Amino acid sequence: MDEGAVSVSSTSTFRLRWDVFLSFRGEDTRYTFINTLYKSLEESGVRIFKGLRGGDEIKPVLFEAIEYLATSIAIISSNYASSHWCLEELSKICEYRRLLLPVFYRVNPLDVRRHKGPFEENLRNHEKTYEEDKVRCWRRAMEKAGATIGWPFDKRWYI
């Protein structure tokens, strides 16, 4: 099995193989911030849940990783809330009461917490497609993330 791949397995496998779950919107951060963050964490000995093995179902494996890993880092960018997957991940992190370390990638934490700017627009768009309870849960997760002390990553900082 590939070092970064995972198959649905026991709780102990997740705890032994990975330390951190990373939630991010790929189109905003994958080839810039995320690459550097992965490298820095790995060089520090932190084992990051990287992804799925071919043939695995996305939802059960991701949710199992979130459930059994104690720490999650959410890289919240302007398009983060446009992804129902990112919102589901964040919601599960909050539901399982895992340690959440938010990185506010070129966004204001207050906008995240209060659903302003692109977050407001994206959540309204989701209301057209998803059940009210689901979107309400996502809103609460965004509020919690925005209210959590994290790290701002400003556009003036370059990698």
C-alpha atoms as a PDB file:
ATOM      1  CA  MET A   1       0.000   0.000   0.000  1.00  0.00           C
ATOM      2  CA  ASP A   2       1.192   3.501  -0.822  1.00  0.00           C
ATOM      3  CA  GLU A   3       2.591   5.341   2.240  1.00  0.00           C
ATOM      4  CA  GLY A   4       0.035   8.147   1.954  1.00  0.00           C
ATOM      5  CA  ALA A   5      -2.900   5.971   0.980  1.00  0.00           C
ATOM      6  CA  VAL A   6      -5.478   4.593   3.352  1.00  0.00           C
ATOM      7  CA  SER A   7      -8.152   1.994   3.378  1.00  0.00           C
ATOM      8  CA  VAL A   8     -11.018   1.808   5.845  1.00  0.00           C
ATOM      9  CA  SER A   9      -9.505   0.098   8.860  1.00  0.00           C
ATOM     10  CA  SER A  10      -9.271   0.046  12.620  1.00  0.00           C
ATOM     11  CA  THR A  11      -9.046   3.011  14.942  1.00  0.00           C
ATOM     12  CA  SER A  12      -5.527   2.092  15.971  1.00  0.00           C
ATOM     13  CA  THR A  13      -4.345   2.167  12.356  1.00  0.00           C
ATOM     14  CA  PHE A  14      -5.341   5.809  12.040  1.00  0.00           C
ATOM     15  CA  ARG A  15      -3.750   6.742  15.352  1.00  0.00           C
ATOM     16  CA  LEU A  16      -0.532   4.910  14.548  1.00  0.00           C
ATOM     17  CA  ARG A  17      -0.104   6.111  10.981  1.00  0.00           C
ATOM     18  CA  TRP A  18      -1.138   9.792  11.113  1.00  0.00           C
ATOM     19  CA  ASP A  19      -1.091  12.713  13.519  1.00  0.00           C
ATOM     20  CA  VAL A  20      -3.023  15.396  11.641  1.00  0.00           C
ATOM     21  CA  PHE A  21      -5.935  15.730   9.248  1.00  0.00           C
ATOM     22  CA  LEU A  22      -5.628  18.615   6.771  1.00  0.00           C
ATOM     23  CA  SER A  23      -8.752  20.274   5.338  1.00  0.00           C
ATOM     24  CA  PHE A  24      -8.298  22.729   2.474  1.00  0.00           C
ATOM     25  CA  ARG A  25      -9.784  23.916  -0.812  1.00  0.00           C
ATOM     26  CA  GLY A  26      -7.328  22.647  -3.386  1.00  0.00           C
ATOM     27  CA  GLU A  27      -7.927  25.258  -6.050  1.00  0.00           C
ATOM     28  CA  ASP A  28      -6.901  28.025  -3.625  1.00  0.00           C
ATOM     29  CA  THR A  29      -3.935  26.510  -1.857  1.00  0.00           C
ATOM     30  CA  ARG A  30      -2.777  23.137  -3.207  1.00  0.00           C
ATOM     31  CA  TYR A  31       0.207  24.313  -5.255  1.00  0.00           C
ATOM     32  CA  THR A  32       1.332  27.121  -3.000  1.00  0.00           C
ATOM     33  CA  PHE A  33       0.707  27.084   0.716  1.00  0.00           C
ATOM     34  CA  ILE A  34      -0.229  23.404   1.111  1.00  0.00           C
ATOM     35  CA  ASN A  35       2.940  22.070  -0.516  1.00  0.00           C
ATOM     36  CA  THR A  36       5.095  24.152   1.812  1.00  0.00           C
ATOM     37  CA  LEU A  37       3.003  23.259   4.865  1.00  0.00           C
ATOM     38  CA  TYR A  38       3.170  19.513   4.087  1.00  0.00           C
ATOM     39  CA  LYS A  39       6.928  19.673   3.672  1.00  0.00           C
ATOM     40  CA  SER A  40       7.443  21.647   6.893  1.00  0.00           C
ATOM     41  CA  LEU A  41       5.198  19.367   8.938  1.00  0.00           C
ATOM     42  CA  GLU A  42       6.778  16.204   7.548  1.00  0.00           C
ATOM     43  CA  GLU A  43      10.281  17.542   8.195  1.00  0.00           C
ATOM     44  CA  SER A  44       9.172  18.157  11.795  1.00  0.00           C
ATOM     45  CA  GLY A  45       8.049  14.546  12.113  1.00  0.00           C
ATOM     46  CA  VAL A  46       4.313  15.225  11.898  1.00  0.00           C
ATOM     47  CA  ARG A  47       2.452  12.529   9.975  1.00  0.00           C
ATOM     48  CA  ILE A  48      -0.307  14.014   7.826  1.00  0.00           C
ATOM     49  CA  PHE A  49      -3.336  12.126   6.566  1.00  0.00           C
ATOM     50  CA  LYS A  50      -2.761  12.555   2.844  1.00  0.00           C
ATOM     51  CA  GLY A  51      -5.593  10.964   1.014  1.00  0.00           C
ATOM     52  CA  LEU A  52      -7.209   7.915  -0.362  1.00  0.00           C
ATOM     53  CA  ARG A  53      -6.191   4.741  -2.077  1.00  0.00           C
ATOM     54  CA  GLY A  54      -7.765   3.984  -5.429  1.00  0.00           C
ATOM     55  CA  GLY A  55     -11.136   2.327  -4.937  1.00  0.00           C
ATOM     56  CA  ASP A  56     -11.809   3.766  -1.476  1.00  0.00           C
ATOM     57  CA  GLU A  57     -15.053   5.616  -0.919  1.00  0.00           C
ATOM     58  CA  ILE A  58     -14.278   9.229  -0.099  1.00  0.00           C
ATOM     59  CA  LYS A  59     -16.859   9.983   2.557  1.00  0.00           C
ATOM     60  CA  PRO A  60     -16.361   7.014   4.938  1.00  0.00           C
ATOM     61  CA  VAL A  61     -12.571   7.190   4.824  1.00  0.00           C
ATOM     62  CA  LEU A  62     -12.351  10.941   5.355  1.00  0.00           C
ATOM     63  CA  PHE A  63     -14.860  10.873   8.190  1.00  0.00           C
ATOM     64  CA  GLU A  64     -13.069   7.954   9.829  1.00  0.00           C
ATOM     65  CA  ALA A  65      -9.785   9.858   9.649  1.00  0.00           C
ATOM     66  CA  ILE A  66     -11.411  12.935  11.195  1.00  0.00           C
ATOM     67  CA  GLU A  67     -13.050  10.840  13.905  1.00  0.00           C
ATOM     68  CA  TYR A  68      -9.886   9.092  15.047  1.00  0.00           C
ATOM     69  CA  LEU A  69      -7.227  11.757  14.595  1.00  0.00           C
ATOM     70  CA  ALA A  70      -6.993  14.183  17.491  1.00  0.00           C
ATOM     71  CA  THR A  71      -5.864  17.231  15.517  1.00  0.00           C
ATOM     72  CA  SER A  72      -7.109  18.889  12.352  1.00  0.00           C
ATOM     73  CA  ILE A  73      -5.755  21.886  10.487  1.00  0.00           C
ATOM     74  CA  ALA A  74      -8.287  23.751   8.353  1.00  0.00           C
ATOM     75  CA  ILE A  75      -6.819  26.083   5.751  1.00  0.00           C
ATOM     76  CA  ILE A  76      -9.756  28.438   5.279  1.00  0.00           C
ATOM     77  CA  SER A  77      -9.493  30.374   2.034  1.00  0.00           C
ATOM     78  CA  SER A  78     -11.966  32.526   0.117  1.00  0.00           C
ATOM     79  CA  ASN A  79     -13.352  29.511  -1.791  1.00  0.00           C
ATOM     80  CA  TYR A  80     -13.328  27.083   1.152  1.00  0.00           C
ATOM     81  CA  ALA A  81     -17.088  27.398   1.729  1.00  0.00           C
ATOM     82  CA  SER A  82     -17.835  26.865  -1.967  1.00  0.00           C
ATOM     83  CA  SER A  83     -16.958  23.196  -1.443  1.00  0.00           C
ATOM     84  CA  HIS A  84     -19.560  21.060   0.296  1.00  0.00           C
ATOM     85  CA  TRP A  85     -16.722  18.585   1.008  1.00  0.00           C
ATOM     86  CA  CYS A  86     -14.718  21.204   2.917  1.00  0.00           C
ATOM     87  CA  LEU A  87     -17.818  22.196   4.862  1.00  0.00           C
ATOM     88  CA  GLU A  88     -18.582  18.539   5.650  1.00  0.00           C
ATOM     89  CA  GLU A  89     -15.021  18.013   6.873  1.00  0.00           C
ATOM     90  CA  LEU A  90     -15.148  21.117   9.063  1.00  0.00           C
ATOM     91  CA  SER A  91     -18.547  20.115  10.398  1.00  0.00           C
ATOM     92  CA  LYS A  92     -17.265  16.638  11.332  1.00  0.00           C
ATOM     93  CA  ILE A  93     -14.178  18.116  12.996  1.00  0.00           C
ATOM     94  CA  CYS A  94     -16.482  20.236  15.163  1.00  0.00           C
ATOM     95  CA  GLU A  95     -18.946  17.383  15.751  1.00  0.00           C
ATOM     96  CA  TYR A  96     -16.209  15.050  17.007  1.00  0.00           C
ATOM     97  CA  ARG A  97     -14.792  17.911  19.101  1.00  0.00           C
ATOM     98  CA  ARG A  98     -11.312  17.504  17.695  1.00  0.00           C
ATOM     99  CA  LEU A  99      -8.606  20.089  18.171  1.00  0.00           C
ATOM    100  CA  LEU A 100      -9.078  22.557  15.338  1.00  0.00           C
ATOM    101  CA  LEU A 101      -6.150  24.695  14.235  1.00  0.00           C
ATOM    102  CA  PRO A 102      -7.464  27.146  11.639  1.00  0.00           C
ATOM    103  CA  VAL A 103      -5.212  28.945   9.191  1.00  0.00           C
ATOM    104  CA  PHE A 104      -6.982  31.940   7.671  1.00  0.00           C
ATOM    105  CA  TYR A 105      -5.455  31.984   4.213  1.00  0.00           C
ATOM    106  CA  ARG A 106      -5.884  35.516   2.901  1.00  0.00           C
ATOM    107  CA  VAL A 107      -9.247  35.884   4.665  1.00  0.00           C
ATOM    108  CA  ASN A 108     -10.416  37.714   7.765  1.00  0.00           C
ATOM    109  CA  PRO A 109     -11.458  35.388  10.631  1.00  0.00           C
ATOM    110  CA  LEU A 110     -14.310  37.782  11.403  1.00  0.00           C
ATOM    111  CA  ASP A 111     -15.680  37.258   7.872  1.00  0.00           C
ATOM    112  CA  VAL A 112     -15.510  33.501   8.429  1.00  0.00           C
ATOM    113  CA  ARG A 113     -17.313  33.733  11.767  1.00  0.00           C
ATOM    114  CA  ARG A 114     -19.990  36.146  10.530  1.00  0.00           C
ATOM    115  CA  HIS A 115     -20.378  34.603   7.042  1.00  0.00           C
ATOM    116  CA  LYS A 116     -19.420  37.787   5.213  1.00  0.00           C
ATOM    117  CA  GLY A 117     -18.096  38.244   1.696  1.00  0.00           C
ATOM    118  CA  PRO A 118     -17.559  35.023  -0.268  1.00  0.00           C
ATOM    119  CA  PHE A 119     -18.643  32.914   2.713  1.00  0.00           C
ATOM    120  CA  GLU A 120     -22.095  34.493   2.732  1.00  0.00           C
ATOM    121  CA  GLU A 121     -22.513  33.996  -1.012  1.00  0.00           C
ATOM    122  CA  ASN A 122     -21.299  30.390  -0.934  1.00  0.00           C
ATOM    123  CA  LEU A 123     -23.522  29.402   1.987  1.00  0.00           C
ATOM    124  CA  ARG A 124     -26.541  30.999   0.301  1.00  0.00           C
ATOM    125  CA  ASN A 125     -25.795  29.004  -2.840  1.00  0.00           C
ATOM    126  CA  HIS A 126     -25.677  25.803  -0.788  1.00  0.00           C
ATOM    127  CA  GLU A 127     -29.122  26.617   0.626  1.00  0.00           C
ATOM    128  CA  LYS A 128     -30.508  26.096  -2.882  1.00  0.00           C
ATOM    129  CA  THR A 129     -29.115  22.564  -3.098  1.00  0.00           C
ATOM    130  CA  TYR A 130     -28.859  21.143   0.423  1.00  0.00           C
ATOM    131  CA  GLU A 131     -31.278  20.697   3.300  1.00  0.00           C
ATOM    132  CA  GLU A 132     -31.685  23.568   5.730  1.00  0.00           C
ATOM    133  CA  ASP A 133     -30.364  21.520   8.679  1.00  0.00           C
ATOM    134  CA  LYS A 134     -27.219  20.594   6.748  1.00  0.00           C
ATOM    135  CA  VAL A 135     -26.445  24.222   5.842  1.00  0.00           C
ATOM    136  CA  ARG A 136     -27.202  25.319   9.411  1.00  0.00           C
ATOM    137  CA  CYS A 137     -24.638  22.780  10.642  1.00  0.00           C
ATOM    138  CA  TRP A 138     -22.080  24.121   8.152  1.00  0.00           C
ATOM    139  CA  ARG A 139     -22.768  27.679   9.315  1.00  0.00           C
ATOM    140  CA  ARG A 140     -22.143  26.684  12.939  1.00  0.00           C
ATOM    141  CA  ALA A 141     -18.875  25.018  11.957  1.00  0.00           C
ATOM    142  CA  MET A 142     -17.754  28.167  10.109  1.00  0.00           C
ATOM    143  CA  GLU A 143     -18.699  30.277  13.149  1.00  0.00           C
ATOM    144  CA  LYS A 144     -16.672  28.008  15.415  1.00  0.00           C
ATOM    145  CA  ALA A 145     -13.659  28.066  13.091  1.00  0.00           C
ATOM    146  CA  GLY A 146     -13.823  31.850  12.784  1.00  0.00           C
ATOM    147  CA  ALA A 147     -14.016  32.212  16.565  1.00  0.00           C
ATOM    148  CA  THR A 148     -11.076  29.867  17.188  1.00  0.00           C
ATOM    149  CA  ILE A 149      -7.670  31.403  17.679  1.00  0.00           C
ATOM    150  CA  GLY A 150      -5.683  30.506  14.606  1.00  0.00           C
ATOM    151  CA  TRP A 151      -3.079  31.830  12.241  1.00  0.00           C
ATOM    152  CA  PRO A 152      -3.734  34.509   9.657  1.00  0.00           C
ATOM    153  CA  PHE A 153      -1.795  34.110   6.442  1.00  0.00           C
ATOM    154  CA  ASP A 154      -1.837  37.478   4.722  1.00  0.00           C
ATOM    155  CA  LYS A 155      -1.327  38.185   1.034  1.00  0.00           C
ATOM    156  CA  ARG A 156       1.749  40.224   1.926  1.00  0.00           C
ATOM    157  CA  TRP A 157       3.504  37.063   3.073  1.00  0.00           C
ATOM    158  CA  TYR A 158       4.988  34.938   0.370  1.00  0.00           C
ATOM    159  CA  ILE A 159       6.109  31.358   0.267  1.00  0.00           C
END
